[in-house]
Amino acid sequence: FKNLLESIVYICMAQMHVLGAEIFVKDV
């Protein structure tokens, strides 16, 4: 879970040219 969220954040930052990104996910 942790590695996946980090991967999503970094990929979105690179694709959308932003300096930061965060994710809210539902408590499993």
PDB file of all heavy atoms in Angstrom:
ATOM      1  N   PHE A   1       0.813  -1.208   0.000  1.00  0.00           N
ATOM      2  CA  PHE A   1       0.000   0.000   0.000  1.00  0.00           C
ATOM      3  C   PHE A   1       0.853   1.268   0.000  1.00  0.00           C
ATOM      4  O   PHE A   1       0.619   2.192  -0.797  1.00  0.00           O
ATOM      5  CB  PHE A   1      -0.922  -0.016   1.220  1.00  0.00           C
ATOM      6  CG  PHE A   1      -2.242   0.639   0.976  1.00  0.00           C
ATOM      7  CD1 PHE A   1      -3.186   0.053   0.154  1.00  0.00           C
ATOM      8  CD2 PHE A   1      -2.549   1.853   1.563  1.00  0.00           C
ATOM      9  CE1 PHE A   1      -4.408   0.652  -0.083  1.00  0.00           C
ATOM     10  CE2 PHE A   1      -3.767   2.464   1.334  1.00  0.00           C
ATOM     11  CZ  PHE A   1      -4.703   1.860   0.512  1.00  0.00           C
ATOM     12  N   LYS A   2       1.823   1.337   0.863  1.00  0.00           N
ATOM     13  CA  LYS A   2       2.646   2.535   0.995  1.00  0.00           C
ATOM     14  C   LYS A   2       3.436   2.807  -0.281  1.00  0.00           C
ATOM     15  O   LYS A   2       3.485   3.940  -0.773  1.00  0.00           O
ATOM     16  CB  LYS A   2       3.593   2.392   2.191  1.00  0.00           C
ATOM     17  CG  LYS A   2       4.414   3.637   2.459  1.00  0.00           C
ATOM     18  CD  LYS A   2       5.296   3.453   3.683  1.00  0.00           C
ATOM     19  CE  LYS A   2       6.131   4.702   3.936  1.00  0.00           C
ATOM     20  NZ  LYS A   2       7.017   4.540   5.121  1.00  0.00           N
ATOM     21  N   ASN A   3       4.079   1.773  -0.826  1.00  0.00           N
ATOM     22  CA  ASN A   3       4.860   1.947  -2.050  1.00  0.00           C
ATOM     23  C   ASN A   3       3.981   2.345  -3.226  1.00  0.00           C
ATOM     24  O   ASN A   3       4.381   3.145  -4.075  1.00  0.00           O
ATOM     25  CB  ASN A   3       5.614   0.650  -2.385  1.00  0.00           C
ATOM     26  CG  ASN A   3       6.722   0.361  -1.402  1.00  0.00           C
ATOM     27  OD1 ASN A   3       7.211   1.257  -0.718  1.00  0.00           O
ATOM     28  ND2 ASN A   3       7.127  -0.892  -1.307  1.00  0.00           N
ATOM     29  N   LEU A   4       2.769   1.790  -3.278  1.00  0.00           N
ATOM     30  CA  LEU A   4       1.846   2.130  -4.361  1.00  0.00           C
ATOM     31  C   LEU A   4       1.476   3.606  -4.307  1.00  0.00           C
ATOM     32  O   LEU A   4       1.488   4.296  -5.334  1.00  0.00           O
ATOM     33  CB  LEU A   4       0.586   1.267  -4.262  1.00  0.00           C
ATOM     34  CG  LEU A   4      -0.545   1.640  -5.230  1.00  0.00           C
ATOM     35  CD1 LEU A   4      -0.098   1.459  -6.673  1.00  0.00           C
ATOM     36  CD2 LEU A   4      -1.795   0.837  -4.949  1.00  0.00           C
ATOM     37  N   LEU A   5       1.134   4.105  -3.125  1.00  0.00           N
ATOM     38  CA  LEU A   5       0.740   5.511  -2.998  1.00  0.00           C
ATOM     39  C   LEU A   5       1.888   6.444  -3.380  1.00  0.00           C
ATOM     40  O   LEU A   5       1.682   7.468  -4.031  1.00  0.00           O
ATOM     41  CB  LEU A   5       0.274   5.798  -1.572  1.00  0.00           C
ATOM     42  CG  LEU A   5      -0.990   5.058  -1.119  1.00  0.00           C
ATOM     43  CD1 LEU A   5      -1.368   5.465   0.296  1.00  0.00           C
ATOM     44  CD2 LEU A   5      -2.143   5.305  -2.063  1.00  0.00           C
ATOM     45  N   GLU A   6       3.092   6.091  -2.978  1.00  0.00           N
ATOM     46  CA  GLU A   6       4.257   6.897  -3.363  1.00  0.00           C
ATOM     47  C   GLU A   6       4.437   6.893  -4.878  1.00  0.00           C
ATOM     48  O   GLU A   6       4.743   7.926  -5.483  1.00  0.00           O
ATOM     49  CB  GLU A   6       5.511   6.368  -2.670  1.00  0.00           C
ATOM     50  CG  GLU A   6       5.551   6.634  -1.173  1.00  0.00           C
ATOM     51  CD  GLU A   6       6.809   6.088  -0.528  1.00  0.00           C
ATOM     52  OE1 GLU A   6       7.581   5.388  -1.234  1.00  0.00           O
ATOM     53  OE2 GLU A   6       7.024   6.347   0.666  1.00  0.00           O
ATOM     54  N   SER A   7       4.236   5.740  -5.496  1.00  0.00           N
ATOM     55  CA  SER A   7       4.361   5.627  -6.944  1.00  0.00           C
ATOM     56  C   SER A   7       3.325   6.502  -7.649  1.00  0.00           C
ATOM     57  O   SER A   7       3.647   7.212  -8.612  1.00  0.00           O
ATOM     58  CB  SER A   7       4.195   4.165  -7.368  1.00  0.00           C
ATOM     59  OG  SER A   7       4.199   4.043  -8.771  1.00  0.00           O
ATOM     60  N   ILE A   8       2.099   6.478  -7.158  1.00  0.00           N
ATOM     61  CA  ILE A   8       1.032   7.294  -7.758  1.00  0.00           C
ATOM     62  C   ILE A   8       1.381   8.777  -7.661  1.00  0.00           C
ATOM     63  O   ILE A   8       1.247   9.534  -8.628  1.00  0.00           O
ATOM     64  CB  ILE A   8      -0.310   7.013  -7.059  1.00  0.00           C
ATOM     65  CG1 ILE A   8      -0.778   5.590  -7.371  1.00  0.00           C
ATOM     66  CG2 ILE A   8      -1.373   8.017  -7.506  1.00  0.00           C
ATOM     67  CD1 ILE A   8      -1.993   5.156  -6.566  1.00  0.00           C
ATOM     68  N   VAL A   9       1.847   9.188  -6.496  1.00  0.00           N
ATOM     69  CA  VAL A   9       2.188  10.596  -6.281  1.00  0.00           C
ATOM     70  C   VAL A   9       3.284  11.055  -7.243  1.00  0.00           C
ATOM     71  O   VAL A   9       3.154  12.089  -7.920  1.00  0.00           O
ATOM     72  CB  VAL A   9       2.624  10.825  -4.818  1.00  0.00           C
ATOM     73  CG1 VAL A   9       3.359  12.147  -4.669  1.00  0.00           C
ATOM     74  CG2 VAL A   9       1.420  10.800  -3.899  1.00  0.00           C
ATOM     75  N   TYR A  10       4.377  10.299  -7.326  1.00  0.00           N
ATOM     76  CA  TYR A  10       5.509  10.714  -8.157  1.00  0.00           C
ATOM     77  C   TYR A  10       5.157  10.698  -9.643  1.00  0.00           C
ATOM     78  O   TYR A  10       5.587  11.576 -10.407  1.00  0.00           O
ATOM     79  CB  TYR A  10       6.716   9.821  -7.882  1.00  0.00           C
ATOM     80  CG  TYR A  10       7.328  10.034  -6.522  1.00  0.00           C
ATOM     81  CD1 TYR A  10       7.629   8.967  -5.677  1.00  0.00           C
ATOM     82  CD2 TYR A  10       7.592  11.322  -6.052  1.00  0.00           C
ATOM     83  CE1 TYR A  10       8.163   9.172  -4.418  1.00  0.00           C
ATOM     84  CE2 TYR A  10       8.130  11.539  -4.802  1.00  0.00           C
ATOM     85  CZ  TYR A  10       8.417  10.460  -3.990  1.00  0.00           C
ATOM     86  OH  TYR A  10       8.949  10.667  -2.735  1.00  0.00           O
ATOM     87  N   ILE A  11       4.380   9.718 -10.063  1.00  0.00           N
ATOM     88  CA  ILE A  11       3.989   9.647 -11.474  1.00  0.00           C
ATOM     89  C   ILE A  11       3.101  10.834 -11.844  1.00  0.00           C
ATOM     90  O   ILE A  11       3.286  11.461 -12.897  1.00  0.00           O
ATOM     91  CB  ILE A  11       3.275   8.317 -11.773  1.00  0.00           C
ATOM     92  CG1 ILE A  11       4.306   7.184 -11.818  1.00  0.00           C
ATOM     93  CG2 ILE A  11       2.510   8.372 -13.087  1.00  0.00           C
ATOM     94  CD1 ILE A  11       3.711   5.801 -11.947  1.00  0.00           C
ATOM     95  N   CYS A  12       2.153  11.157 -10.982  1.00  0.00           N
ATOM     96  CA  CYS A  12       1.268  12.295 -11.260  1.00  0.00           C
ATOM     97  C   CYS A  12       2.027  13.615 -11.258  1.00  0.00           C
ATOM     98  O   CYS A  12       1.736  14.509 -12.066  1.00  0.00           O
ATOM     99  CB  CYS A  12       0.131  12.330 -10.243  1.00  0.00           C
ATOM    100  SG  CYS A  12      -1.051  10.978 -10.422  1.00  0.00           S
ATOM    101  N   MET A  13       2.986  13.747 -10.371  1.00  0.00           N
ATOM    102  CA  MET A  13       3.808  14.955 -10.351  1.00  0.00           C
ATOM    103  C   MET A  13       4.562  15.127 -11.666  1.00  0.00           C
ATOM    104  O   MET A  13       4.614  16.218 -12.241  1.00  0.00           O
ATOM    105  CB  MET A  13       4.795  14.900  -9.179  1.00  0.00           C
ATOM    106  CG  MET A  13       4.159  15.100  -7.818  1.00  0.00           C
ATOM    107  SD  MET A  13       5.326  14.800  -6.450  1.00  0.00           S
ATOM    108  CE  MET A  13       6.587  16.053  -6.794  1.00  0.00           C
ATOM    109  N   ALA A  14       5.130  14.024 -12.152  1.00  0.00           N
ATOM    110  CA  ALA A  14       5.901  14.083 -13.389  1.00  0.00           C
ATOM    111  C   ALA A  14       5.006  14.342 -14.603  1.00  0.00           C
ATOM    112  O   ALA A  14       5.343  15.148 -15.477  1.00  0.00           O
ATOM    113  CB  ALA A  14       6.677  12.780 -13.584  1.00  0.00           C
ATOM    114  N   GLN A  15       3.856  13.676 -14.653  1.00  0.00           N
ATOM    115  CA  GLN A  15       2.971  13.795 -15.812  1.00  0.00           C
ATOM    116  C   GLN A  15       2.304  15.163 -15.894  1.00  0.00           C
ATOM    117  O   GLN A  15       2.093  15.696 -16.983  1.00  0.00           O
ATOM    118  CB  GLN A  15       1.901  12.700 -15.766  1.00  0.00           C
ATOM    119  CG  GLN A  15       2.444  11.298 -15.964  1.00  0.00           C
ATOM    120  CD  GLN A  15       3.002  11.068 -17.358  1.00  0.00           C
ATOM    121  OE1 GLN A  15       2.411  11.475 -18.348  1.00  0.00           O
ATOM    122  NE2 GLN A  15       4.160  10.437 -17.434  1.00  0.00           N
ATOM    123  N   MET A  16       1.958  15.724 -14.744  1.00  0.00           N
ATOM    124  CA  MET A  16       1.219  16.994 -14.725  1.00  0.00           C
ATOM    125  C   MET A  16       2.095  18.204 -14.410  1.00  0.00           C
ATOM    126  O   MET A  16       1.601  19.313 -14.270  1.00  0.00           O
ATOM    127  CB  MET A  16       0.079  16.915 -13.706  1.00  0.00           C
ATOM    128  CG  MET A  16      -1.013  15.936 -14.083  1.00  0.00           C
ATOM    129  SD  MET A  16      -1.935  16.444 -15.560  1.00  0.00           S
ATOM    130  CE  MET A  16      -1.347  15.210 -16.742  1.00  0.00           C
ATOM    131  N   HIS A  17       3.394  17.975 -14.276  1.00  0.00           N
ATOM    132  CA  HIS A  17       4.345  19.069 -14.044  1.00  0.00           C
ATOM    133  C   HIS A  17       3.992  19.878 -12.785  1.00  0.00           C
ATOM    134  O   HIS A  17       3.878  21.108 -12.829  1.00  0.00           O
ATOM    135  CB  HIS A  17       4.421  19.995 -15.260  1.00  0.00           C
ATOM    136  CG  HIS A  17       4.619  19.277 -16.554  1.00  0.00           C
ATOM    137  ND1 HIS A  17       5.779  18.601 -16.867  1.00  0.00           N
ATOM    138  CD2 HIS A  17       3.798  19.124 -17.624  1.00  0.00           C
ATOM    139  CE1 HIS A  17       5.668  18.062 -18.071  1.00  0.00           C
ATOM    140  NE2 HIS A  17       4.470  18.358 -18.546  1.00  0.00           N
ATOM    141  N   VAL A  18       3.798  19.173 -11.677  1.00  0.00           N
ATOM    142  CA  VAL A  18       3.524  19.849 -10.409  1.00  0.00           C
ATOM    143  C   VAL A  18       4.649  19.554  -9.426  1.00  0.00           C
ATOM    144  O   VAL A  18       5.359  18.555  -9.547  1.00  0.00           O
ATOM    145  CB  VAL A  18       2.165  19.409  -9.824  1.00  0.00           C
ATOM    146  CG1 VAL A  18       1.023  19.849 -10.712  1.00  0.00           C
ATOM    147  CG2 VAL A  18       2.119  17.911  -9.584  1.00  0.00           C
ATOM    148  N   LEU A  19       4.800  20.429  -8.451  1.00  0.00           N
ATOM    149  CA  LEU A  19       5.893  20.305  -7.483  1.00  0.00           C
ATOM    150  C   LEU A  19       5.520  19.434  -6.286  1.00  0.00           C
ATOM    151  O   LEU A  19       6.380  19.092  -5.482  1.00  0.00           O
ATOM    152  CB  LEU A  19       6.309  21.698  -6.998  1.00  0.00           C
ATOM    153  CG  LEU A  19       6.865  22.634  -8.079  1.00  0.00           C
ATOM    154  CD1 LEU A  19       7.172  24.006  -7.486  1.00  0.00           C
ATOM    155  CD2 LEU A  19       8.116  22.034  -8.713  1.00  0.00           C
ATOM    156  N   GLY A  20       4.227  19.099  -6.164  1.00  0.00           N
ATOM    157  CA  GLY A  20       3.803  18.269  -5.044  1.00  0.00           C
ATOM    158  C   GLY A  20       2.439  17.658  -5.304  1.00  0.00           C
ATOM    159  O   GLY A  20       1.638  18.197  -6.075  1.00  0.00           O
ATOM    160  N   ALA A  21       2.178  16.537  -4.654  1.00  0.00           N
ATOM    161  CA  ALA A  21       0.877  15.871  -4.767  1.00  0.00           C
ATOM    162  C   ALA A  21       0.639  15.056  -3.504  1.00  0.00           C
ATOM    163  O   ALA A  21       1.593  14.586  -2.867  1.00  0.00           O
ATOM    164  CB  ALA A  21       0.828  14.982  -6.003  1.00  0.00           C
ATOM    165  N   GLU A  22      -0.620  14.922  -3.133  1.00  0.00           N
ATOM    166  CA  GLU A  22      -1.004  14.144  -1.957  1.00  0.00           C
ATOM    167  C   GLU A  22      -2.212  13.278  -2.298  1.00  0.00           C
ATOM    168  O   GLU A  22      -2.939  13.569  -3.256  1.00  0.00           O
ATOM    169  CB  GLU A  22      -1.354  15.059  -0.777  1.00  0.00           C
ATOM    170  CG  GLU A  22      -0.286  16.078  -0.408  1.00  0.00           C
ATOM    171  CD  GLU A  22       0.978  15.483   0.169  1.00  0.00           C
ATOM    172  OE1 GLU A  22       0.984  14.262   0.418  1.00  0.00           O
ATOM    173  OE2 GLU A  22       1.950  16.241   0.378  1.00  0.00           O
ATOM    174  N   ILE A  23      -2.436  12.236  -1.487  1.00  0.00           N
ATOM    175  CA  ILE A  23      -3.575  11.349  -1.726  1.00  0.00           C
ATOM    176  C   ILE A  23      -4.307  11.045  -0.421  1.00  0.00           C
ATOM    177  O   ILE A  23      -3.684  10.687   0.580  1.00  0.00           O
ATOM    178  CB  ILE A  23      -3.123  10.014  -2.355  1.00  0.00           C
ATOM    179  CG1 ILE A  23      -2.633  10.213  -3.770  1.00  0.00           C
ATOM    180  CG2 ILE A  23      -4.288   9.028  -2.396  1.00  0.00           C
ATOM    181  CD1 ILE A  23      -2.248   8.915  -4.446  1.00  0.00           C
ATOM    182  N   PHE A  24      -5.626  11.197  -0.472  1.00  0.00           N
ATOM    183  CA  PHE A  24      -6.505  10.660   0.567  1.00  0.00           C
ATOM    184  C   PHE A  24      -6.995   9.303   0.084  1.00  0.00           C
ATOM    185  O   PHE A  24      -7.459   9.177  -1.057  1.00  0.00           O
ATOM    186  CB  PHE A  24      -7.729  11.563   0.771  1.00  0.00           C
ATOM    187  CG  PHE A  24      -7.457  12.862   1.462  1.00  0.00           C
ATOM    188  CD1 PHE A  24      -7.052  13.975   0.749  1.00  0.00           C
ATOM    189  CD2 PHE A  24      -7.627  12.993   2.829  1.00  0.00           C
ATOM    190  CE1 PHE A  24      -6.819  15.185   1.368  1.00  0.00           C
ATOM    191  CE2 PHE A  24      -7.400  14.199   3.474  1.00  0.00           C
ATOM    192  CZ  PHE A  24      -6.992  15.306   2.747  1.00  0.00           C
ATOM    193  N   VAL A  25      -6.905   8.280   0.924  1.00  0.00           N
ATOM    194  CA  VAL A  25      -7.458   6.972   0.573  1.00  0.00           C
ATOM    195  C   VAL A  25      -8.349   6.486   1.708  1.00  0.00           C
ATOM    196  O   VAL A  25      -8.144   6.825   2.869  1.00  0.00           O
ATOM    197  CB  VAL A  25      -6.355   5.924   0.297  1.00  0.00           C
ATOM    198  CG1 VAL A  25      -5.610   6.257  -0.978  1.00  0.00           C
ATOM    199  CG2 VAL A  25      -5.397   5.811   1.463  1.00  0.00           C
ATOM    200  N   LYS A  26      -9.335   5.692   1.348  1.00  0.00           N
ATOM    201  CA  LYS A  26     -10.286   5.196   2.346  1.00  0.00           C
ATOM    202  C   LYS A  26      -9.596   4.227   3.300  1.00  0.00           C
ATOM    203  O   LYS A  26      -8.847   3.355   2.875  1.00  0.00           O
ATOM    204  CB  LYS A  26     -11.460   4.510   1.650  1.00  0.00           C
ATOM    205  CG  LYS A  26     -12.637   4.202   2.578  1.00  0.00           C
ATOM    206  CD  LYS A  26     -13.770   3.525   1.829  1.00  0.00           C
ATOM    207  CE  LYS A  26     -14.446   4.478   0.870  1.00  0.00           C
ATOM    208  NZ  LYS A  26     -15.621   3.870   0.203  1.00  0.00           N
ATOM    209  N   ASP A  27      -9.853   4.424   4.583  1.00  0.00           N
ATOM    210  CA  ASP A  27      -9.314   3.530   5.601  1.00  0.00           C
ATOM    211  C   ASP A  27      -9.841   2.117   5.352  1.00  0.00           C
ATOM    212  O   ASP A  27     -11.056   1.886   5.375  1.00  0.00           O
ATOM    213  CB  ASP A  27      -9.740   4.013   6.984  1.00  0.00           C
ATOM    214  CG  ASP A  27      -9.274   3.107   8.104  1.00  0.00           C
ATOM    215  OD1 ASP A  27      -8.363   2.299   7.863  1.00  0.00           O
ATOM    216  OD2 ASP A  27      -9.822   3.196   9.208  1.00  0.00           O
ATOM    217  N   VAL A  28      -8.930   1.170   5.086  1.00  0.00           N
ATOM    218  CA  VAL A  28      -9.342  -0.174   4.661  1.00  0.00           C
ATOM    219  C   VAL A  28      -9.954  -0.992   5.791  1.00  0.00           C
ATOM    220  O   VAL A  28     -10.660  -1.975   5.537  1.00  0.00           O
ATOM    221  CB  VAL A  28      -8.145  -0.948   4.061  1.00  0.00           C
ATOM    222  CG1 VAL A  28      -7.641  -0.260   2.818  1.00  0.00           C
ATOM    223  CG2 VAL A  28      -7.028  -1.113   5.085  1.00  0.00           C
TER     224      VAL A  28
END
